[in-house]
C-alpha atoms as a PDB file:
ATOM      1  CA  MET A   1     117.586 147.742 -15.664  1.00  0.00           C
ATOM      2  CA  SER A   2     119.467 151.058 -15.164  1.00  0.00           C
ATOM      3  CA  PRO A   3     118.914 154.097 -17.423  1.00  0.00           C
ATOM      4  CA  GLU A   4     122.333 153.601 -18.999  1.00  0.00           C
ATOM      5  CA  GLU A   5     121.550 149.938 -20.472  1.00  0.00           C
ATOM      6  CA  PRO A   6     119.717 150.064 -23.535  1.00  0.00           C
ATOM      7  CA  LYS A   7     116.446 148.524 -24.123  1.00  0.00           C
ATOM      8  CA  LYS A   8     116.334 145.363 -25.104  1.00  0.00           C
ATOM      9  CA  ASP A   9     113.454 144.386 -27.445  1.00  0.00           C
ATOM     10  CA  LYS A  10     110.621 141.674 -27.359  1.00  0.00           C
ATOM     11  CA  PRO A  11     110.411 139.437 -29.839  1.00  0.00           C
ATOM     12  CA  VAL A  12     107.774 140.763 -32.350  1.00  0.00           C
ATOM     13  CA  GLN A  13     104.699 137.727 -32.410  1.00  0.00           C
ATOM     14  CA  SER A  14     103.123 137.056 -36.287  1.00  0.00           C
ATOM     15  CA  ALA A  15     100.220 138.905 -36.868  1.00  0.00           C
ATOM     16  CA  GLU A  16      98.997 136.049 -38.963  1.00  0.00           C
ATOM     17  CA  PRO A  17      97.519 133.707 -37.199  1.00  0.00           C
ATOM     18  CA  SER A  18      98.674 129.784 -37.131  1.00  0.00           C
ATOM     19  CA  ALA A  19      97.487 126.869 -38.414  1.00  0.00           C
ATOM     20  CA  ALA A  20      96.775 125.526 -35.384  1.00  0.00           C
ATOM     21  CA  GLU A  21      94.761 128.590 -34.026  1.00  0.00           C
ATOM     22  CA  PRO A  22      90.812 128.606 -34.991  1.00  0.00           C
ATOM     23  CA  LYS A  23      89.635 131.232 -37.529  1.00  0.00           C
ATOM     24  CA  PRO A  24      87.026 133.250 -36.693  1.00  0.00           C
ATOM     25  CA  SER A  25      83.706 132.379 -38.583  1.00  0.00           C
ATOM     26  CA  SER A  26      80.310 133.369 -39.177  1.00  0.00           C
ATOM     27  CA  PRO A  27      77.444 133.661 -36.757  1.00  0.00           C
ATOM     28  CA  ALA A  28      75.386 131.022 -38.549  1.00  0.00           C
ATOM     29  CA  ALA A  29      78.376 128.643 -38.828  1.00  0.00           C
ATOM     30  CA  GLU A  30      78.821 129.177 -35.085  1.00  0.00           C
ATOM     31  CA  SER A  31      75.457 127.907 -34.163  1.00  0.00           C
ATOM     32  CA  GLN A  32      75.370 125.140 -36.774  1.00  0.00           C
ATOM     33  CA  ALA A  33      79.176 123.782 -34.821  1.00  0.00           C
ATOM     34  CA  ALA A  34      77.373 124.394 -31.428  1.00  0.00           C
ATOM     35  CA  GLY A  35      74.014 122.478 -32.772  1.00  0.00           C
ATOM     36  CA  LEU A  36      71.779 125.456 -33.339  1.00  0.00           C
ATOM     37  CA  PRO A  37      69.435 125.344 -35.976  1.00  0.00           C
ATOM     38  CA  ASP A  38      69.701 128.066 -39.134  1.00  0.00           C
ATOM     39  CA  LEU A  39      66.726 129.725 -38.475  1.00  0.00           C
ATOM     40  CA  ALA A  40      67.440 132.223 -41.453  1.00  0.00           C
ATOM     41  CA  LYS A  41      67.275 129.418 -43.786  1.00  0.00           C
ATOM     42  CA  GLU A  42      64.195 127.323 -42.311  1.00  0.00           C
ATOM     43  CA  LEU A  43      62.486 130.695 -42.093  1.00  0.00           C
ATOM     44  CA  ALA A  44      62.971 130.784 -46.128  1.00  0.00           C
ATOM     45  CA  ALA A  45      62.320 127.494 -46.729  1.00  0.00           C
ATOM     46  CA  ALA A  46      59.075 127.499 -44.590  1.00  0.00           C
ATOM     47  CA  GLN A  47      58.205 131.242 -46.826  1.00  0.00           C
ATOM     48  CA  ALA A  48      58.853 129.460 -49.894  1.00  0.00           C
ATOM     49  CA  GLY A  49      55.855 126.663 -49.055  1.00  0.00           C
ATOM     50  CA  LYS A  50      59.567 123.940 -48.927  1.00  0.00           C
ATOM     51  CA  PRO A  51      59.519 121.259 -46.322  1.00  0.00           C
ATOM     52  CA  ALA A  52      62.032 121.961 -43.590  1.00  0.00           C
ATOM     53  CA  ALA A  53      62.753 121.105 -39.994  1.00  0.00           C
ATOM     54  CA  ALA A  54      59.961 121.775 -38.094  1.00  0.00           C
ATOM     55  CA  THR A  55      61.371 122.271 -34.608  1.00  0.00           C
ATOM     56  CA  SER A  56      63.171 126.407 -35.568  1.00  0.00           C
ATOM     57  CA  VAL A  57      59.749 127.798 -37.154  1.00  0.00           C
ATOM     58  CA  ASP A  58      57.594 125.767 -34.089  1.00  0.00           C
ATOM     59  CA  LEU A  59      59.793 127.776 -31.595  1.00  0.00           C
ATOM     60  CA  LEU A  60      57.712 131.062 -33.631  1.00  0.00           C
ATOM     61  CA  GLN A  61      54.462 129.279 -33.088  1.00  0.00           C
ATOM     62  CA  ASP A  62      53.445 130.474 -29.585  1.00  0.00           C
ATOM     63  CA  VAL A  63      54.291 134.439 -30.392  1.00  0.00           C
ATOM     64  CA  GLU A  64      51.728 136.743 -30.666  1.00  0.00           C
ATOM     65  CA  LEU A  65      51.306 139.454 -33.549  1.00  0.00           C
ATOM     66  CA  ASP A  66      48.950 142.733 -33.659  1.00  0.00           C
ATOM     67  CA  VAL A  67      46.319 142.279 -36.543  1.00  0.00           C
ATOM     68  CA  LYS A  68      44.427 144.895 -37.849  1.00  0.00           C
ATOM     69  CA  ILE A  69      41.809 144.583 -40.508  1.00  0.00           C
ATOM     70  CA  GLU A  70      41.529 147.751 -42.241  1.00  0.00           C
ATOM     71  CA  LEU A  71      37.542 148.655 -43.655  1.00  0.00           C
ATOM     72  CA  GLY A  72      38.373 152.313 -45.159  1.00  0.00           C
ATOM     73  CA  ARG A  73      40.054 155.678 -44.962  1.00  0.00           C
ATOM     74  CA  THR A  74      38.630 159.367 -45.260  1.00  0.00           C
ATOM     75  CA  ARG A  75      40.014 162.408 -44.444  1.00  0.00           C
ATOM     76  CA  MET A  76      38.016 165.124 -42.367  1.00  0.00           C
ATOM     77  CA  LEU A  77      37.936 168.620 -41.299  1.00  0.00           C
ATOM     78  CA  VAL A  78      38.834 169.378 -37.430  1.00  0.00           C
ATOM     79  CA  GLU A  79      35.287 170.903 -37.623  1.00  0.00           C
ATOM     80  CA  ASP A  80      33.370 168.080 -39.024  1.00  0.00           C
ATOM     81  CA  VAL A  81      35.001 165.413 -36.271  1.00  0.00           C
ATOM     82  CA  LEU A  82      33.945 167.692 -33.760  1.00  0.00           C
ATOM     83  CA  ARG A  83      30.406 167.741 -35.254  1.00  0.00           C
ATOM     84  CA  LEU A  84      30.463 163.860 -35.228  1.00  0.00           C
ATOM     85  CA  GLY A  85      27.510 162.120 -32.606  1.00  0.00           C
ATOM     86  CA  GLU A  86      25.580 159.591 -32.474  1.00  0.00           C
ATOM     87  CA  GLY A  87      24.169 158.506 -35.986  1.00  0.00           C
ATOM     88  CA  SER A  88      26.647 160.749 -38.144  1.00  0.00           C
ATOM     89  CA  ILE A  89      27.528 158.857 -41.405  1.00  0.00           C
ATOM     90  CA  VAL A  90      31.796 158.667 -41.884  1.00  0.00           C
ATOM     91  CA  GLU A  91      32.530 157.773 -45.595  1.00  0.00           C
ATOM     92  CA  ILE A  92      35.749 155.858 -46.282  1.00  0.00           C
ATOM     93  CA  ASP A  93      37.329 155.923 -49.237  1.00  0.00           C
ATOM     94  CA  LYS A  94      36.077 151.574 -50.356  1.00  0.00           C
ATOM     95  CA  LEU A  95      32.515 150.671 -51.631  1.00  0.00           C
ATOM     96  CA  ALA A  96      30.308 147.978 -50.453  1.00  0.00           C
ATOM     97  CA  GLY A  97      31.472 144.372 -51.411  1.00  0.00           C
ATOM     98  CA  ASP A  98      35.096 145.903 -51.988  1.00  0.00           C
ATOM     99  CA  PRO A  99      37.699 143.846 -50.332  1.00  0.00           C
ATOM    100  CA  VAL A 100      39.459 144.523 -46.841  1.00  0.00           C
ATOM    101  CA  ASP A 101      42.795 144.907 -45.924  1.00  0.00           C
ATOM    102  CA  ILE A 102      44.828 142.641 -43.508  1.00  0.00           C
ATOM    103  CA  TYR A 103      47.452 144.453 -42.013  1.00  0.00           C
ATOM    104  CA  VAL A 104      49.709 142.155 -39.458  1.00  0.00           C
ATOM    105  CA  ASN A 105      52.749 144.421 -37.648  1.00  0.00           C
ATOM    106  CA  GLU A 106      51.762 147.205 -39.427  1.00  0.00           C
ATOM    107  CA  ARG A 107      52.755 145.710 -42.977  1.00  0.00           C
ATOM    108  CA  LEU A 108      49.885 144.790 -45.308  1.00  0.00           C
ATOM    109  CA  VAL A 109      49.765 140.763 -45.698  1.00  0.00           C
ATOM    110  CA  ALA A 110      46.836 140.351 -47.395  1.00  0.00           C
ATOM    111  CA  ARG A 111      42.882 141.479 -48.398  1.00  0.00           C
ATOM    112  CA  GLY A 112      39.608 139.488 -47.550  1.00  0.00           C
ATOM    113  CA  GLU A 113      36.029 139.984 -47.610  1.00  0.00           C
ATOM    114  CA  VAL A 114      34.313 140.688 -44.910  1.00  0.00           C
ATOM    115  CA  LEU A 115      31.281 138.105 -43.653  1.00  0.00           C
ATOM    116  CA  VAL A 116      29.026 137.933 -41.059  1.00  0.00           C
ATOM    117  CA  LEU A 117      28.915 134.063 -39.447  1.00  0.00           C
ATOM    118  CA  ASN A 118      26.680 134.104 -35.739  1.00  0.00           C
ATOM    119  CA  ASP A 119      26.474 137.596 -35.391  1.00  0.00           C
ATOM    120  CA  ASN A 120      30.516 138.106 -35.546  1.00  0.00           C
ATOM    121  CA  PHE A 121      31.806 139.973 -38.666  1.00  0.00           C
ATOM    122  CA  CYS A 122      34.868 137.786 -39.922  1.00  0.00           C
ATOM    123  CA  VAL A 123      36.634 138.202 -42.857  1.00  0.00           C
ATOM    124  CA  ARG A 124      37.624 135.832 -45.767  1.00  0.00           C
ATOM    125  CA  VAL A 125      40.958 135.946 -47.104  1.00  0.00           C
ATOM    126  CA  SER A 126      40.975 135.825 -50.731  1.00  0.00           C
ATOM    127  CA  GLN A 127      44.244 137.410 -51.745  1.00  0.00           C
ATOM    128  CA  ILE A 128      48.121 137.131 -49.903  1.00  0.00           C
ATOM    129  CA  VAL A 129      49.793 140.515 -51.112  1.00  0.00           C
ATOM    130  CA  ALA A 130      53.459 139.770 -52.427  1.00  0.00           C
ATOM    131  CA  ASP A 131      55.973 140.683 -50.078  1.00  0.00           C
ATOM    132  CA  GLN A 132      56.988 144.867 -50.913  1.00  0.00           C
ATOM    133  CA  THR A 133      60.014 144.920 -49.180  1.00  0.00           C
ATOM    134  CA  PRO A 134      62.904 146.797 -50.745  1.00  0.00           C
END
């Protein structure tokens, strides 16, 4: 094409997808189309106590979680912490017999009572804490 010749416009393609082209879908729809389970639905059903396909939830059963049992808390001055030694007594914010808090991955999930079983401390779950997510 010489500089004197006018440029020919290329045909404009339609921005609308044709009926033959597949439309984009959600990740959940894509996973179902690929034969994969919808984990969000199955996890919600499991939390609600409803029976669901066990295959997806079973995949999570070998995942390790950090579980912490909290007997109580207190605040101390640095001076008092430095004076701690063998035989020192630290008072906490709970009374004998009060339930202890059970955390899973830093999230309060339950409360329980401290027991001794075969010379080992253990906790019997006495209350499941309601979900506190906003």
